[in-house]
Amino acid sequence: MERIISRIYDLLKETESLIEFEEQLQLYMYDTFASLVGEVFNQVNKVVKENKQAKNWKVERNDHRNIQFTFGNVRFKRTLMYDENSEANYPLDDWLGIRKHQRYSPLVELKLAELASEVTYRESARILTEWTAVDISHSSVGNILKTVGSAQAEADKEMVLELEESACLPEGKKTDFLYTEADGVFVRSLEKKKHIEVSHGILYEGWNLNGKRVSLENQTVIMTTQPIDQFWAEIQTVAAHRYSLENTQIVSNSDGGAGYSAERFQSAFSQSRFPILHQLDGYHIGQAINHTFGYKKSDLKDEIKKALETLNIDRFILLLDTYESTLEEEKELEKLQKFRTYILNHWDYLGDWRKRVNRSPKAARRLGAMESNQRRISFRMKKRGMHWSKDVAEAIVKVKQGILNGTLREVYLAAQRRSNRKQRKFKQSVRMSYYLNYGNSSSSGVKQASISLHVAHSSALGRLVKGLR
């Protein structure tokens, strides 16, 4: 402690401004902590090696390894050993949960993946280098993103398989109403003139009002670039794990496009005993009207909207027939026919869902949150000439899903975290007293000493001295 305080004092004298002082102090802090952590890892390696030797493991050699943490590059030794089956292992790597060829700590990898899901690889590398001791290239950021995203994707697949093999549904939360929306967004593929569809679904229990701002209550997100059947299997699995839906009224919303029909929702939430209340998305209805009749205001558009709101199909057909009689161009006739087919095929889903139930919740609103939620994908993955491979696109959306659902850290660290059994065994074998007294040395009895204190007992040094007594 005295050496550290002395070095800080020297830095304060050597630097010309507080900015320079803080920068130099940060570098000193990084070096100090990296050195201390490396020494701790070396000592732990000795203990782990001895435990394995007691089980007849054979020592081959000691190798150095470097791991980049947020506070700096940690260099340490670990022992290569052969187990009872003559297979080579690094016991320290296994205990720490470090993968083969891993160069960055799990926290660094996690933070890089989170950054790369929002900004470019180069910007992610710049931000982390600016604020931590990590030095990384933009290509390494991309590789880490794929690693972290794959962990979330594999966890989702495993959850689907577990539900398929399970004899009964898990016990989940009970709710009277559950709202769900789904849609797809296309991003450019690396293949010429091809696109990748990102299927996007949300589940939520209602709405929270904060003044004029509205947010979704207990929102759960599902995103994937996998085939549409896999997407709906994930939605069904997530819903089954989180909720007990037998007595829940499901209310759904979509644009009715291929893969997002009312029948898909009904199948995914089939555990509910109530028929699903499906609603055609209002935003897409408005887009269809504007695309067919133009974006300028007109009496015809107002009349068509009124006919749709009141579900007056005769009036709607009459308006379309009247407008059709005024058209001469084949292209305009095709647009009108497409609009007619789209609306009539989904006529049963035009009405406000709140009018189709006996009692809707007090704060119930029309559904239609999906379009604003799609910006999570489009802001990162569309425009600016961006093109994506299938695996990178899947990694990004899975990282985003994990962040929004609060599952990414748990899922990613699951494979690297020491199990409870390993942790118990380590605590049994590695005692702090053993670490502090490592090696066989003769005891010279108990020595007593005291530390002179020339500062207030309430100061940091004062509390340290009291803690050592």
Protein backbone atom coordinates (compact mmCIF):
# COMPACT_ATOMS: atom_id res chain seq x y z
CA MET A 1 0.00 0.00 0.00
CA GLU A 2 2.82 2.39 0.90
CA ARG A 3 4.52 1.70 -2.43
CA ILE A 4 1.30 2.41 -4.33
CA ILE A 5 0.68 5.66 -2.47
CA SER A 6 4.27 6.70 -3.10
CA ARG A 7 3.92 6.02 -6.82
CA ILE A 8 0.69 8.01 -7.01
CA TYR A 9 2.44 10.90 -5.31
CA ASP A 10 5.30 10.71 -7.85
CA LEU A 11 2.84 10.67 -10.75
CA LEU A 12 1.15 13.77 -9.37
CA LYS A 13 4.52 15.56 -9.35
CA GLU A 14 5.64 14.28 -12.76
CA THR A 15 2.50 15.19 -14.72
CA GLU A 16 1.56 18.68 -15.84
CA SER A 17 -2.25 18.45 -15.60
CA LEU A 18 -4.97 16.40 -13.96
CA ILE A 19 -5.86 14.90 -17.33
CA GLU A 20 -2.31 13.61 -17.83
CA PHE A 21 -2.18 12.49 -14.19
CA GLU A 22 -5.37 10.48 -14.53
CA GLU A 23 -4.19 8.87 -17.76
CA GLN A 24 -0.88 7.81 -16.20
CA LEU A 25 -2.59 6.65 -13.03
CA GLN A 26 -4.97 4.52 -15.10
CA LEU A 27 -2.04 2.82 -16.83
CA TYR A 28 -0.34 2.21 -13.49
CA MET A 29 -3.57 0.77 -12.08
CA TYR A 30 -3.90 -1.56 -15.08
CA ASP A 31 -0.30 -2.80 -14.73
CA THR A 32 -0.64 -3.31 -10.99
CA PHE A 33 -3.87 -5.28 -11.11
CA ALA A 34 -2.77 -7.37 -14.10
CA SER A 35 0.42 -8.30 -12.25
CA LEU A 36 -1.46 -9.20 -9.05
CA VAL A 37 -4.07 -11.31 -10.86
CA GLY A 38 -1.30 -13.11 -12.76
CA GLU A 39 0.41 -13.96 -9.48
CA VAL A 40 -2.84 -15.27 -8.00
CA PHE A 41 -3.37 -17.48 -11.06
CA ASN A 42 0.18 -18.82 -10.68
CA GLN A 43 -0.46 -19.78 -7.06
CA VAL A 44 -3.80 -21.38 -7.88
CA ASN A 45 -2.09 -23.37 -10.63
CA LYS A 46 0.34 -24.82 -8.05
CA VAL A 47 -2.51 -25.97 -5.85
CA VAL A 48 -4.51 -27.45 -8.72
CA LYS A 49 -1.41 -29.25 -10.00
CA GLU A 50 -0.78 -30.84 -6.60
CA ASN A 51 -4.40 -32.00 -6.37
CA LYS A 52 -4.11 -33.66 -9.78
CA GLN A 53 -0.76 -35.25 -8.89
CA ALA A 54 -2.46 -36.85 -5.89
CA LYS A 55 -4.78 -38.53 -8.43
CA ASN A 56 -1.80 -39.88 -10.41
CA TRP A 57 -1.83 -37.20 -13.10
CA LYS A 58 1.61 -36.73 -14.70
CA VAL A 59 3.25 -33.32 -15.12
CA GLU A 60 4.54 -32.57 -18.63
CA ARG A 61 5.60 -28.91 -18.54
CA ASN A 62 4.63 -25.35 -17.58
CA ASP A 63 3.40 -23.01 -20.32
CA HIS A 64 2.66 -19.30 -20.27
CA ARG A 65 -0.68 -17.89 -21.30
CA ASN A 66 -2.04 -14.36 -21.80
CA ILE A 67 -5.65 -13.29 -21.27
CA GLN A 68 -6.85 -9.75 -21.94
CA PHE A 69 -9.05 -8.47 -19.12
CA THR A 70 -10.64 -5.03 -19.00
CA PHE A 71 -7.85 -3.94 -16.63
CA GLY A 72 -4.99 -5.27 -18.76
CA ASN A 73 -3.14 -8.26 -20.12
CA VAL A 74 -2.72 -10.99 -17.48
CA ARG A 75 0.24 -13.32 -18.00
CA PHE A 76 0.42 -16.51 -15.96
CA LYS A 77 1.72 -20.06 -15.95
CA ARG A 78 -0.36 -23.17 -16.21
CA THR A 79 0.76 -26.77 -16.12
CA LEU A 80 0.24 -29.25 -18.92
CA MET A 81 -0.62 -32.63 -17.40
CA TYR A 82 -1.67 -36.08 -18.55
CA ASP A 83 -4.63 -37.74 -16.82
CA GLU A 84 -5.21 -41.43 -16.09
CA ASN A 85 -6.15 -42.00 -19.74
CA SER A 86 -2.97 -40.28 -20.98
CA GLU A 87 -4.96 -37.36 -22.35
CA ALA A 88 -3.33 -33.92 -22.21
CA ASN A 89 -5.06 -31.25 -20.10
CA TYR A 90 -4.45 -27.87 -18.57
CA PRO A 91 -6.29 -28.23 -15.22
CA LEU A 92 -6.06 -24.50 -14.48
CA ASP A 93 -7.77 -23.64 -17.77
CA ASP A 94 -10.55 -26.11 -16.99
CA TRP A 95 -11.03 -24.67 -13.52
CA LEU A 96 -11.05 -21.06 -14.71
CA GLY A 97 -13.38 -21.94 -17.60
CA ILE A 98 -11.03 -20.69 -20.33
CA ARG A 99 -11.51 -22.09 -23.82
CA LYS A 100 -8.70 -23.29 -26.05
CA HIS A 101 -7.15 -20.34 -27.93
CA GLN A 102 -9.26 -17.86 -25.93
CA ARG A 103 -7.46 -14.52 -25.78
CA TYR A 104 -10.02 -12.31 -24.05
CA SER A 105 -11.86 -12.65 -20.76
CA PRO A 106 -15.56 -13.55 -20.83
CA LEU A 107 -16.51 -10.04 -19.71
CA VAL A 108 -14.50 -8.45 -22.52
CA GLU A 109 -16.12 -10.78 -25.05
CA LEU A 110 -19.59 -10.08 -23.67
CA LYS A 111 -19.14 -6.31 -23.74
CA LEU A 112 -17.70 -6.41 -27.25
CA ALA A 113 -20.67 -8.43 -28.51
CA GLU A 114 -23.11 -6.01 -26.88
CA LEU A 115 -21.33 -3.05 -28.47
CA ALA A 116 -21.11 -4.72 -31.89
CA SER A 117 -24.86 -5.36 -31.87
CA GLU A 118 -25.39 -1.57 -31.79
CA VAL A 119 -22.44 -0.04 -33.67
CA THR A 120 -19.88 -1.14 -36.26
CA TYR A 121 -16.98 -3.44 -35.45
CA ARG A 122 -14.44 -0.63 -35.80
CA GLU A 123 -16.43 1.63 -33.52
CA SER A 124 -16.80 -1.16 -30.96
CA ALA A 125 -13.04 -1.73 -30.93
CA ARG A 126 -12.41 2.01 -30.61
CA ILE A 127 -14.82 2.45 -27.71
CA LEU A 128 -13.40 -0.47 -25.72
CA THR A 129 -9.81 0.62 -26.36
CA GLU A 130 -10.69 4.16 -25.29
CA TRP A 131 -12.23 3.12 -21.97
CA THR A 132 -10.33 -0.04 -21.01
CA ALA A 133 -6.88 -1.60 -21.41
CA VAL A 134 -8.14 -3.87 -24.20
CA ASP A 135 -6.44 -3.63 -27.60
CA ILE A 136 -8.37 -5.47 -30.31
CA SER A 137 -8.87 -5.40 -34.08
CA HIS A 138 -12.25 -4.98 -35.75
CA SER A 139 -12.01 -8.47 -37.30
CA SER A 140 -11.58 -9.99 -33.82
CA VAL A 141 -14.71 -8.11 -32.73
CA GLY A 142 -16.65 -9.88 -35.49
CA ASN A 143 -15.37 -13.30 -34.41
CA ILE A 144 -16.29 -12.64 -30.79
CA LEU A 145 -19.76 -11.47 -31.82
CA LYS A 146 -20.35 -14.76 -33.62
CA THR A 147 -19.15 -16.74 -30.60
CA VAL A 148 -21.42 -14.94 -28.13
CA GLY A 149 -24.41 -14.90 -30.48
CA SER A 150 -24.00 -18.62 -31.17
CA ALA A 151 -24.24 -19.31 -27.43
CA GLN A 152 -27.67 -17.63 -27.28
CA ALA A 153 -28.81 -19.39 -30.47
CA GLU A 154 -27.74 -22.81 -29.15
CA ALA A 155 -29.49 -22.18 -25.84
CA ASP A 156 -32.72 -21.36 -27.72
CA LYS A 157 -32.47 -24.53 -29.80
CA GLU A 158 -31.79 -26.59 -26.70
CA MET A 159 -34.84 -25.13 -24.99
CA VAL A 160 -37.02 -26.09 -27.98
CA LEU A 161 -35.67 -29.67 -27.93
CA GLU A 162 -36.21 -29.97 -24.18
CA LEU A 163 -39.85 -28.92 -24.55
CA GLU A 164 -40.40 -31.42 -27.37
CA GLU A 165 -38.97 -34.24 -25.25
CA SER A 166 -40.69 -33.20 -22.02
CA ALA A 167 -43.65 -35.22 -20.81
CA CYS A 168 -45.42 -32.14 -19.43
CA LEU A 169 -45.37 -28.38 -19.77
CA PRO A 170 -43.37 -26.35 -17.23
CA GLU A 171 -45.29 -24.36 -14.62
CA GLY A 172 -45.27 -20.69 -15.56
CA LYS A 173 -46.83 -17.38 -14.67
CA LYS A 174 -50.61 -17.05 -14.94
CA THR A 175 -52.11 -14.02 -16.64
CA ASP A 176 -55.59 -13.21 -17.96
CA PHE A 177 -54.34 -11.63 -21.21
CA LEU A 178 -51.15 -12.11 -23.20
CA TYR A 179 -50.38 -9.97 -26.24
CA THR A 180 -48.16 -11.05 -29.08
CA GLU A 181 -47.02 -9.56 -32.37
CA ALA A 182 -44.77 -10.85 -35.14
CA ASP A 183 -43.33 -9.61 -38.40
CA GLY A 184 -40.29 -9.99 -40.60
CA VAL A 185 -37.67 -7.51 -41.76
CA PHE A 186 -35.32 -8.09 -44.68
CA VAL A 187 -31.62 -7.20 -44.66
CA ARG A 188 -29.19 -7.47 -47.54
CA SER A 189 -27.27 -10.69 -48.01
CA LEU A 190 -23.70 -11.06 -49.24
CA GLU A 191 -25.16 -12.95 -52.17
CA LYS A 192 -26.05 -10.64 -55.03
CA LYS A 193 -29.71 -9.59 -55.19
CA LYS A 194 -30.61 -11.78 -52.21
CA HIS A 195 -31.95 -10.87 -48.77
CA ILE A 196 -32.06 -12.45 -45.34
CA GLU A 197 -35.32 -12.35 -43.42
CA VAL A 198 -35.12 -11.64 -39.70
CA SER A 199 -38.25 -13.00 -38.02
CA HIS A 200 -39.16 -10.86 -35.03
CA GLY A 201 -41.76 -11.60 -32.37
CA ILE A 202 -42.70 -9.97 -29.07
CA LEU A 203 -44.77 -11.10 -26.10
CA TYR A 204 -46.03 -8.71 -23.45
CA GLU A 205 -48.58 -8.55 -20.65
CA GLY A 206 -49.95 -5.04 -21.14
CA TRP A 207 -48.90 -1.40 -21.19
CA ASN A 208 -47.23 0.96 -18.73
CA LEU A 209 -48.14 4.64 -18.93
CA ASN A 210 -45.71 7.37 -17.89
CA GLY A 211 -47.39 10.62 -18.80
CA LYS A 212 -47.83 10.42 -22.57
CA ARG A 213 -45.17 7.77 -22.97
CA VAL A 214 -46.28 4.16 -23.35
CA SER A 215 -44.06 1.13 -22.79
CA LEU A 216 -44.77 -2.58 -22.98
CA GLU A 217 -45.11 -4.48 -19.71
CA ASN A 218 -42.79 -7.48 -19.19
CA GLN A 219 -41.79 -7.66 -22.83
CA THR A 220 -40.09 -10.77 -24.20
CA VAL A 221 -38.37 -10.72 -27.60
CA ILE A 222 -37.71 -13.53 -30.08
CA MET A 223 -35.47 -12.90 -33.09
CA THR A 224 -33.91 -15.29 -35.59
CA THR A 225 -32.87 -15.70 -39.21
CA GLN A 226 -33.70 -19.41 -39.09
CA PRO A 227 -36.58 -20.86 -41.17
CA ILE A 228 -40.05 -19.70 -40.19
CA ASP A 229 -40.97 -23.03 -38.56
CA GLN A 230 -38.00 -22.71 -36.19
CA PHE A 231 -39.06 -19.15 -35.36
CA TRP A 232 -42.56 -20.25 -34.32
CA ALA A 233 -41.14 -23.20 -32.38
CA GLU A 234 -39.05 -20.72 -30.36
CA ILE A 235 -42.08 -18.51 -29.72
CA GLN A 236 -44.11 -21.50 -28.54
CA THR A 237 -41.25 -22.67 -26.30
CA VAL A 238 -40.63 -19.26 -24.73
CA ALA A 239 -44.36 -18.77 -24.07
CA ALA A 240 -44.65 -22.26 -22.53
CA HIS A 241 -41.67 -21.68 -20.23
CA ARG A 242 -42.78 -18.26 -19.04
CA TYR A 243 -46.55 -18.70 -18.81
CA SER A 244 -49.28 -21.17 -17.97
CA LEU A 245 -51.66 -20.31 -20.78
CA GLU A 246 -54.58 -22.68 -20.22
CA ASN A 247 -56.85 -19.86 -19.02
CA THR A 248 -55.17 -16.99 -20.86
CA GLN A 249 -56.75 -15.01 -23.66
CA ILE A 250 -54.18 -14.56 -26.43
CA VAL A 251 -54.43 -11.36 -28.50
CA SER A 252 -52.23 -11.27 -31.60
CA ASN A 253 -51.29 -8.76 -34.27
CA SER A 254 -49.49 -9.02 -37.62
CA ASP A 255 -49.62 -7.78 -41.20
CA GLY A 256 -51.01 -11.15 -42.32
CA GLY A 257 -48.02 -11.82 -44.57
CA ALA A 258 -46.62 -15.23 -45.43
CA GLY A 259 -45.46 -16.92 -42.26
CA TYR A 260 -47.28 -14.54 -39.90
CA SER A 261 -50.91 -15.52 -40.35
CA ALA A 262 -53.54 -15.92 -37.64
CA GLU A 263 -53.21 -19.70 -38.00
CA ARG A 264 -49.54 -19.50 -37.03
CA PHE A 265 -50.41 -17.68 -33.81
CA GLN A 266 -53.20 -20.16 -33.05
CA SER A 267 -50.82 -23.08 -33.44
CA ALA A 268 -48.05 -21.51 -31.35
CA PHE A 269 -50.43 -20.72 -28.47
CA SER A 270 -52.59 -23.81 -28.75
CA GLN A 271 -52.31 -24.55 -25.01
CA SER A 272 -54.85 -21.76 -24.39
CA ARG A 273 -58.44 -23.01 -24.24
CA PHE A 274 -59.71 -19.76 -25.78
CA PRO A 275 -59.74 -19.05 -29.52
CA ILE A 276 -57.10 -16.49 -30.37
CA LEU A 277 -58.12 -12.86 -30.99
CA HIS A 278 -56.17 -11.82 -34.06
CA GLN A 279 -55.94 -8.29 -35.41
CA LEU A 280 -54.61 -7.05 -38.74
CA ASP A 281 -51.92 -4.48 -38.09
CA GLY A 282 -53.24 -0.92 -38.48
CA TYR A 283 -49.94 0.45 -39.75
CA HIS A 284 -49.89 -1.96 -42.67
CA ILE A 285 -53.54 -1.20 -43.48
CA GLY A 286 -52.66 2.49 -43.68
CA GLN A 287 -49.62 1.72 -45.83
CA ALA A 288 -51.76 -0.35 -48.20
CA ILE A 289 -54.30 2.49 -48.54
CA ASN A 290 -51.59 5.06 -49.26
CA HIS A 291 -49.86 2.80 -51.75
CA THR A 292 -53.11 2.21 -53.63
CA PHE A 293 -54.74 5.66 -53.51
CA GLY A 294 -51.74 7.93 -53.06
CA TYR A 295 -50.31 9.70 -50.03
CA LYS A 296 -52.29 12.93 -50.41
CA LYS A 297 -55.47 13.49 -48.43
CA SER A 298 -58.70 12.72 -50.27
CA ASP A 299 -62.38 12.15 -49.56
CA LEU A 300 -62.13 8.67 -51.08
CA LYS A 301 -59.45 7.61 -48.63
CA ASP A 302 -61.47 8.98 -45.72
CA GLU A 303 -64.53 7.05 -46.87
CA ILE A 304 -62.56 3.81 -47.23
CA LYS A 305 -61.06 4.19 -43.75
CA LYS A 306 -64.52 4.83 -42.32
CA ALA A 307 -65.89 1.70 -44.04
CA LEU A 308 -63.05 -0.37 -42.57
CA GLU A 309 -63.52 1.05 -39.07
CA THR A 310 -67.26 0.31 -39.11
CA LEU A 311 -66.71 -3.06 -40.85
CA ASN A 312 -69.16 -2.08 -43.60
CA ILE A 313 -68.12 -4.52 -46.31
CA ASP A 314 -70.84 -3.48 -48.78
CA ARG A 315 -69.79 0.16 -48.58
CA PHE A 316 -66.14 -0.85 -48.94
CA ILE A 317 -66.77 -2.92 -52.09
CA LEU A 318 -68.92 -0.13 -53.58
CA LEU A 319 -66.17 2.43 -53.06
CA LEU A 320 -63.59 0.18 -54.71
CA ASP A 321 -65.85 -0.58 -57.65
CA THR A 322 -66.54 3.11 -58.16
CA TYR A 323 -62.85 3.96 -58.06
CA GLU A 324 -62.01 1.07 -60.40
CA SER A 325 -64.35 2.48 -63.05
CA THR A 326 -62.22 5.61 -63.23
CA LEU A 327 -58.94 3.76 -63.83
CA GLU A 328 -57.45 3.10 -67.25
CA GLU A 329 -53.82 2.05 -66.63
CA GLU A 330 -53.18 -1.65 -66.10
CA LYS A 331 -50.68 -0.95 -63.33
CA GLU A 332 -53.23 1.01 -61.29
CA LEU A 333 -55.83 -1.72 -61.77
CA GLU A 334 -53.36 -4.33 -60.51
CA LYS A 335 -52.62 -2.25 -57.40
CA LEU A 336 -56.33 -1.88 -56.66
CA GLN A 337 -56.98 -5.59 -57.11
CA LYS A 338 -54.09 -6.43 -54.82
CA PHE A 339 -55.46 -4.09 -52.15
CA ARG A 340 -58.98 -5.55 -52.51
CA THR A 341 -57.67 -9.11 -52.10
CA TYR A 342 -55.50 -8.18 -49.10
CA ILE A 343 -58.35 -6.54 -47.18
CA LEU A 344 -61.08 -9.06 -48.02
CA ASN A 345 -58.85 -12.03 -47.14
CA HIS A 346 -58.29 -10.53 -43.67
CA TRP A 347 -61.70 -8.94 -43.15
CA ASP A 348 -62.43 -10.95 -40.00
CA TYR A 349 -59.34 -9.44 -38.33
CA LEU A 350 -60.03 -5.75 -39.04
CA GLY A 351 -62.14 -5.01 -35.98
CA ASP A 352 -60.71 -3.68 -32.75
CA TRP A 353 -60.04 -6.69 -30.51
CA ARG A 354 -61.38 -4.82 -27.47
CA LYS A 355 -64.86 -4.91 -29.00
CA ARG A 356 -64.70 -8.68 -29.44
CA VAL A 357 -64.31 -9.58 -25.75
CA ASN A 358 -66.79 -9.20 -22.92
CA ARG A 359 -64.40 -7.36 -20.63
CA SER A 360 -61.07 -6.00 -21.78
CA PRO A 361 -58.47 -4.60 -19.32
CA LYS A 362 -58.95 -0.95 -18.37
CA ALA A 363 -55.67 0.24 -19.91
CA ALA A 364 -56.03 -1.93 -23.00
CA ARG A 365 -54.90 -0.43 -26.30
CA ARG A 366 -54.94 -1.41 -29.94
CA LEU A 367 -51.97 -3.54 -30.82
CA GLY A 368 -49.27 -2.24 -33.13
CA ALA A 369 -45.97 -1.97 -31.28
CA MET A 370 -44.06 -4.12 -33.75
CA GLU A 371 -43.17 -1.42 -36.27
CA SER A 372 -41.40 0.75 -33.71
CA ASN A 373 -39.65 -2.33 -32.30
CA GLN A 374 -38.36 -3.25 -35.76
CA ARG A 375 -36.01 -0.28 -35.52
CA ARG A 376 -33.86 -2.37 -33.20
CA ILE A 377 -32.93 -4.36 -36.28
CA SER A 378 -33.14 -1.78 -39.07
CA PHE A 379 -31.01 0.86 -37.32
CA ARG A 380 -28.09 -1.57 -37.05
CA MET A 381 -28.48 -3.81 -40.07
CA LYS A 382 -30.07 -1.76 -42.87
CA LYS A 383 -29.01 1.17 -45.05
CA ARG A 384 -25.42 2.49 -45.27
CA GLY A 385 -24.58 -0.22 -47.79
CA MET A 386 -24.54 -2.98 -45.19
CA HIS A 387 -24.56 -6.61 -46.33
CA TRP A 388 -24.57 -9.65 -44.05
CA SER A 389 -23.70 -13.31 -44.06
CA LYS A 390 -26.30 -15.63 -42.57
CA ASP A 391 -24.25 -16.58 -39.50
CA VAL A 392 -23.31 -12.98 -38.62
CA ALA A 393 -26.91 -11.79 -39.06
CA GLU A 394 -28.09 -14.58 -36.75
CA ALA A 395 -25.41 -13.70 -34.20
CA ILE A 396 -26.37 -10.02 -34.10
CA VAL A 397 -30.10 -10.60 -33.66
CA LYS A 398 -29.48 -13.26 -31.00
CA VAL A 399 -27.21 -10.91 -29.07
CA LYS A 400 -29.90 -8.24 -29.29
CA GLN A 401 -32.50 -10.74 -28.12
CA GLY A 402 -30.33 -11.78 -25.19
CA ILE A 403 -29.74 -8.17 -24.14
CA LEU A 404 -33.43 -7.26 -24.31
CA ASN A 405 -34.54 -10.40 -22.43
CA GLY A 406 -31.71 -10.19 -19.90
CA THR A 407 -30.48 -13.70 -20.73
CA LEU A 408 -27.27 -13.08 -22.71
CA ARG A 409 -24.82 -12.99 -19.81
CA GLU A 410 -26.28 -16.05 -18.12
CA VAL A 411 -26.38 -18.06 -21.34
CA TYR A 412 -22.88 -17.11 -22.45
CA LEU A 413 -21.23 -17.70 -19.12
CA ALA A 414 -23.02 -20.99 -18.49
CA ALA A 415 -20.38 -22.98 -20.37
CA GLN A 416 -17.47 -21.05 -18.83
CA ARG A 417 -18.66 -20.72 -15.25
CA ARG A 418 -17.32 -23.20 -12.74
CA SER A 419 -20.00 -25.63 -11.67
CA ASN A 420 -21.15 -25.69 -8.04
CA ARG A 421 -19.48 -29.06 -7.61
CA LYS A 422 -16.13 -27.76 -8.88
CA GLN A 423 -16.43 -24.70 -6.70
CA ARG A 424 -17.06 -26.79 -3.57
CA LYS A 425 -14.13 -29.08 -4.30
CA PHE A 426 -11.85 -26.14 -4.87
CA LYS A 427 -12.86 -24.49 -1.61
CA GLN A 428 -12.13 -27.74 0.19
CA SER A 429 -8.65 -28.00 -1.30
CA VAL A 430 -7.57 -24.39 -1.55
CA ARG A 431 -7.65 -22.55 1.74
CA MET A 432 -6.49 -19.02 2.16
CA SER A 433 -4.15 -20.16 4.94
CA TYR A 434 -2.62 -22.67 2.52
CA TYR A 435 -2.16 -19.96 -0.08
CA LEU A 436 -0.50 -17.56 2.37
CA ASN A 437 1.80 -20.27 3.75
CA TYR A 438 2.57 -22.09 0.52
CA GLY A 439 5.70 -24.29 0.79
CA ASN A 440 7.38 -26.01 3.71
CA SER A 441 9.12 -23.53 5.94
CA SER A 442 10.02 -23.79 9.61
CA SER A 443 7.97 -21.73 12.02
CA SER A 444 9.76 -19.16 14.12
CA GLY A 445 6.82 -18.55 16.43
CA VAL A 446 4.26 -15.78 16.56
CA LYS A 447 5.54 -12.32 15.82
CA GLN A 448 3.73 -9.24 16.91
CA ALA A 449 3.86 -5.82 15.33
CA SER A 450 1.79 -2.69 14.92
CA ILE A 451 1.28 -0.09 12.22
CA SER A 452 1.63 3.53 13.18
CA LEU A 453 -1.38 5.52 12.18
CA HIS A 454 -0.99 9.22 11.54
CA VAL A 455 -4.37 9.79 9.93
CA ALA A 456 -7.99 9.80 11.10
CA HIS A 457 -9.47 6.40 11.99
CA SER A 458 -12.40 7.14 9.65
CA SER A 459 -10.11 7.52 6.63
CA ALA A 460 -9.41 4.74 4.11
CA LEU A 461 -6.04 3.91 5.69
CA GLY A 462 -7.59 4.02 9.15
CA ARG A 463 -10.25 1.50 8.19
CA LEU A 464 -7.59 -0.71 6.58
CA VAL A 465 -5.49 -0.82 9.76
CA LYS A 466 -8.55 -1.63 11.87
CA GLY A 467 -9.45 -4.43 9.47
CA LEU A 468 -5.97 -5.98 9.86
CA ARG A 469 -6.12 -6.09 13.65
